[in-house]
Amino acid sequence: MSDTAQDLYLTVESALRAPEFKVKGSSFISDILPVANKEAIDDALTSIRKEFYDATHHCFAYRLGPTGSNLRAADDGEPSGTAGRPILLVLTSAKLTDTLIVVTRYYGGTKLGTGGLARAYAEAAQQAVSMAKIKQVFLMQEITLTYSFDDMSHVERMLSQYEAIKGDAIYLDSVQQKVQLRRSRVEPFIAHIVESLNGRVGIN
């Protein structure tokens, strides 16, 4: 079934740490993690900072929410725009949200320059993204259907056709069935089922 509305977003399935790599003696370690809110971000940052307590910098970026509009990039002492922003650009380019990337740096004694730093942090972030398992999250909407027992088999077929997820149901004189559908499918489903059952269905 085709969907015209944008009712999904991408995030990472689980936390992952990319292999350490070095640029002119500096070591870069990147972590990518799924996060649902700022509390989860704070917990992850605290844990990584504790683990790499002797590192020079813990630079990071995150995007939250279905559109990724809640975002932040932090340079953690690196020259402005050389760390957090390249990491954020990698997240944005991959269309990832509800995702945090932290790049830990151990300074190796040789300055990389602003361009070198930006490239190194972007490479570290990209390495984490390329290794992570990406998953789709669908935005869902719940509706309640009321219909007769005689129409149950027909409704069941339509629910299957639209890949609806059934919730609680009440069976009295009629059936009251809660279902969840992808947002882009709600209006087509309602139009289809009302027409198909000649209006013999209540929808809330």
Protein backbone atom coordinates (compact mmCIF):
# COMPACT_ATOMS: atom_id res chain seq x y z
CA MET A 1 0.00 0.00 0.00
CA SER A 2 1.41 3.39 -0.94
CA ASP A 3 1.45 6.30 1.52
CA THR A 4 1.68 9.90 0.44
CA ALA A 5 2.02 11.57 3.85
CA GLN A 6 5.26 11.71 5.77
CA ASP A 7 4.36 9.70 8.87
CA LEU A 8 7.63 8.06 9.77
CA TYR A 9 11.07 8.98 11.01
CA LEU A 10 14.43 7.26 11.32
CA THR A 11 16.40 6.49 14.45
CA VAL A 12 19.00 3.96 15.58
CA GLU A 13 17.95 0.63 16.98
CA SER A 14 20.59 0.36 19.72
CA ALA A 15 23.73 1.97 21.11
CA LEU A 16 26.96 1.37 19.24
CA ARG A 17 30.59 2.43 19.60
CA ALA A 18 32.70 2.77 16.48
CA PRO A 19 36.35 1.68 16.53
CA GLU A 20 38.83 4.31 17.69
CA PHE A 21 40.78 6.05 14.97
CA LYS A 22 43.69 8.51 15.07
CA VAL A 23 44.55 11.71 13.26
CA LYS A 24 48.06 13.10 13.89
CA GLY A 25 48.19 11.40 17.25
CA SER A 26 44.73 12.48 18.46
CA SER A 27 42.34 9.62 19.15
CA PHE A 28 38.63 9.86 18.36
CA ILE A 29 36.01 7.51 19.81
CA SER A 30 32.39 7.88 18.65
CA ASP A 31 29.23 6.61 20.35
CA ILE A 32 25.79 6.68 18.76
CA LEU A 33 22.72 6.05 20.93
CA PRO A 34 18.93 6.10 20.65
CA VAL A 35 17.49 8.71 23.05
CA ALA A 36 13.90 9.62 23.77
CA ASN A 37 14.39 12.80 25.82
CA LYS A 38 16.95 15.12 27.39
CA GLU A 39 17.12 13.01 30.54
CA ALA A 40 18.37 10.06 28.48
CA ILE A 41 20.89 12.37 26.79
CA ASP A 42 22.18 13.63 30.16
CA ASP A 43 22.50 10.06 31.45
CA ALA A 44 24.44 8.97 28.36
CA LEU A 45 26.79 11.96 28.53
CA THR A 46 27.42 11.38 32.23
CA SER A 47 28.23 7.72 31.59
CA ILE A 48 30.61 8.42 28.70
CA ARG A 49 32.35 11.24 30.55
CA LYS A 50 32.84 8.95 33.53
CA GLU A 51 34.18 6.13 31.37
CA PHE A 52 36.62 8.42 29.53
CA TYR A 53 37.27 10.72 32.48
CA ASP A 54 40.77 11.61 31.27
CA ALA A 55 39.74 12.57 27.70
CA THR A 56 40.34 16.08 26.39
CA HIS A 57 36.88 16.68 24.89
CA HIS A 58 33.43 15.06 24.75
CA CYS A 59 31.75 16.77 21.80
CA PHE A 60 28.20 15.84 20.87
CA ALA A 61 25.07 16.57 18.91
CA TYR A 62 21.50 15.31 19.10
CA ARG A 63 18.14 15.62 17.38
CA LEU A 64 14.86 14.86 19.14
CA GLY A 65 11.25 14.57 18.00
CA PRO A 66 9.64 13.25 14.81
CA THR A 67 10.98 16.15 12.75
CA GLY A 68 14.31 16.44 14.58
CA SER A 69 13.56 20.10 15.32
CA ASN A 70 14.70 19.82 18.96
CA LEU A 71 18.45 19.79 18.48
CA ARG A 72 21.76 20.87 19.95
CA ALA A 73 25.45 20.75 19.06
CA ALA A 74 28.23 21.19 21.63
CA ASP A 75 31.94 21.78 20.98
CA ASP A 76 33.02 21.11 24.60
CA GLY A 77 36.02 23.41 24.47
CA GLU A 78 37.01 22.88 20.84
CA PRO A 79 37.07 25.98 18.62
CA SER A 80 33.52 27.12 17.88
CA GLY A 81 31.86 25.17 15.07
CA THR A 82 34.64 22.60 14.64
CA ALA A 83 33.06 19.65 16.50
CA GLY A 84 29.39 19.80 17.45
CA ARG A 85 28.25 21.29 14.16
CA PRO A 86 29.99 18.66 11.95
CA ILE A 87 28.49 15.94 14.13
CA LEU A 88 25.02 17.50 13.83
CA LEU A 89 25.39 17.80 10.06
CA VAL A 90 26.07 14.06 9.86
CA LEU A 91 22.91 13.35 11.92
CA THR A 92 20.84 15.69 9.75
CA SER A 93 22.21 14.29 6.50
CA ALA A 94 21.30 10.75 7.65
CA LYS A 95 17.80 12.03 8.59
CA LEU A 96 18.21 10.56 12.07
CA THR A 97 16.30 11.82 15.09
CA ASP A 98 15.86 10.68 18.69
CA THR A 99 19.58 10.07 18.31
CA LEU A 100 22.71 11.25 20.13
CA ILE A 101 26.28 11.08 18.87
CA VAL A 102 29.16 11.71 21.26
CA VAL A 103 32.71 11.94 19.93
CA THR A 104 35.41 11.67 22.60
CA ARG A 105 38.85 13.06 21.78
CA TYR A 106 42.20 12.39 23.35
CA TYR A 107 44.57 15.16 22.24
CA GLY A 108 47.76 13.80 20.70
CA GLY A 109 49.97 16.87 20.90
CA THR A 110 49.61 18.10 17.32
CA LYS A 111 47.03 20.76 16.48
CA LEU A 112 44.75 19.80 13.59
CA GLY A 113 43.52 23.28 12.68
CA THR A 114 39.87 24.18 12.37
CA GLY A 115 39.42 22.39 9.05
CA GLY A 116 41.22 19.29 10.27
CA LEU A 117 39.16 19.20 13.44
CA ALA A 118 35.87 19.53 11.55
CA ARG A 119 36.84 16.73 9.18
CA ALA A 120 37.94 14.46 12.02
CA TYR A 121 34.75 14.95 14.03
CA ALA A 122 32.60 14.48 10.93
CA GLU A 123 34.48 11.30 10.04
CA ALA A 124 34.04 9.94 13.56
CA ALA A 125 30.32 10.68 13.51
CA GLN A 126 29.89 9.22 10.01
CA GLN A 127 31.69 6.05 11.06
CA ALA A 128 29.20 5.55 13.89
CA VAL A 129 26.21 6.23 11.63
CA SER A 130 27.46 3.85 8.93
CA MET A 131 27.82 1.03 11.47
CA ALA A 132 24.52 1.62 13.29
CA LYS A 133 21.35 -0.31 12.54
CA ILE A 134 18.70 2.18 11.39
CA LYS A 135 15.01 1.59 12.01
CA GLN A 136 11.80 3.26 10.90
CA VAL A 137 9.34 4.53 13.51
CA PHE A 138 5.79 5.09 12.28
CA LEU A 139 3.58 7.86 13.66
CA MET A 140 0.30 6.24 14.66
CA GLN A 141 -3.25 7.42 15.37
CA GLU A 142 -5.89 5.55 17.35
CA ILE A 143 -9.54 5.39 16.39
CA THR A 144 -12.50 3.39 17.71
CA LEU A 145 -14.78 1.47 15.37
CA THR A 146 -18.32 0.42 16.26
CA TYR A 147 -19.93 -2.17 14.01
CA SER A 148 -22.26 -5.17 14.03
CA PHE A 149 -21.18 -8.76 14.50
CA ASP A 150 -22.45 -9.48 10.98
CA ASP A 151 -19.81 -7.13 9.59
CA MET A 152 -16.94 -8.45 11.71
CA SER A 153 -15.27 -10.59 9.05
CA HIS A 154 -15.42 -7.72 6.55
CA VAL A 155 -13.90 -5.28 9.06
CA GLU A 156 -11.17 -7.79 9.91
CA ARG A 157 -10.19 -8.04 6.25
CA MET A 158 -9.99 -4.27 5.94
CA LEU A 159 -7.93 -3.95 9.12
CA SER A 160 -5.50 -6.45 7.68
CA GLN A 161 -5.41 -4.64 4.35
CA TYR A 162 -4.45 -1.36 6.07
CA GLU A 163 -2.05 -3.09 8.49
CA ALA A 164 -3.96 -1.80 11.49
CA ILE A 165 -2.96 -2.78 15.02
CA LYS A 166 -5.92 -3.94 17.08
CA GLY A 167 -6.29 -2.81 20.68
CA ASP A 168 -9.00 -3.32 23.28
CA ALA A 169 -12.43 -4.48 22.16
CA ILE A 170 -15.85 -4.49 23.83
CA TYR A 171 -18.44 -7.03 22.70
CA LEU A 172 -22.01 -6.09 23.62
CA ASP A 173 -24.88 -5.60 21.17
CA SER A 174 -22.19 -4.50 18.75
CA VAL A 175 -18.40 -4.52 18.60
CA GLN A 176 -16.34 -1.55 19.79
CA GLN A 177 -12.80 -2.06 18.55
CA LYS A 178 -9.86 0.25 19.15
CA VAL A 179 -7.31 0.23 16.34
CA GLN A 180 -4.10 2.07 15.55
CA LEU A 181 -3.19 3.06 12.01
CA ARG A 182 -0.33 4.94 10.44
CA ARG A 183 -1.40 8.58 10.27
CA SER A 184 -1.27 8.67 6.49
CA ARG A 185 -3.70 5.76 6.30
CA VAL A 186 -6.41 7.00 8.68
CA GLU A 187 -8.42 9.12 6.23
CA PRO A 188 -8.25 6.59 3.34
CA PHE A 189 -9.24 3.80 5.74
CA ILE A 190 -12.22 5.72 7.11
CA ALA A 191 -13.44 6.64 3.63
CA HIS A 192 -13.03 3.05 2.45
CA ILE A 193 -14.75 1.36 5.39
CA VAL A 194 -17.68 3.82 5.44
CA GLU A 195 -18.27 3.26 1.75
CA SER A 196 -17.73 -0.48 1.94
CA LEU A 197 -20.20 -0.94 4.81
CA ASN A 198 -22.70 1.59 3.44
CA GLY A 199 -22.29 3.71 6.59
CA ARG A 200 -22.85 0.80 9.00
CA VAL A 201 -19.88 1.79 11.15
CA GLY A 202 -19.30 4.33 13.89
CA ILE A 203 -15.92 6.01 14.09
CA ASN A 204 -14.47 7.99 16.99
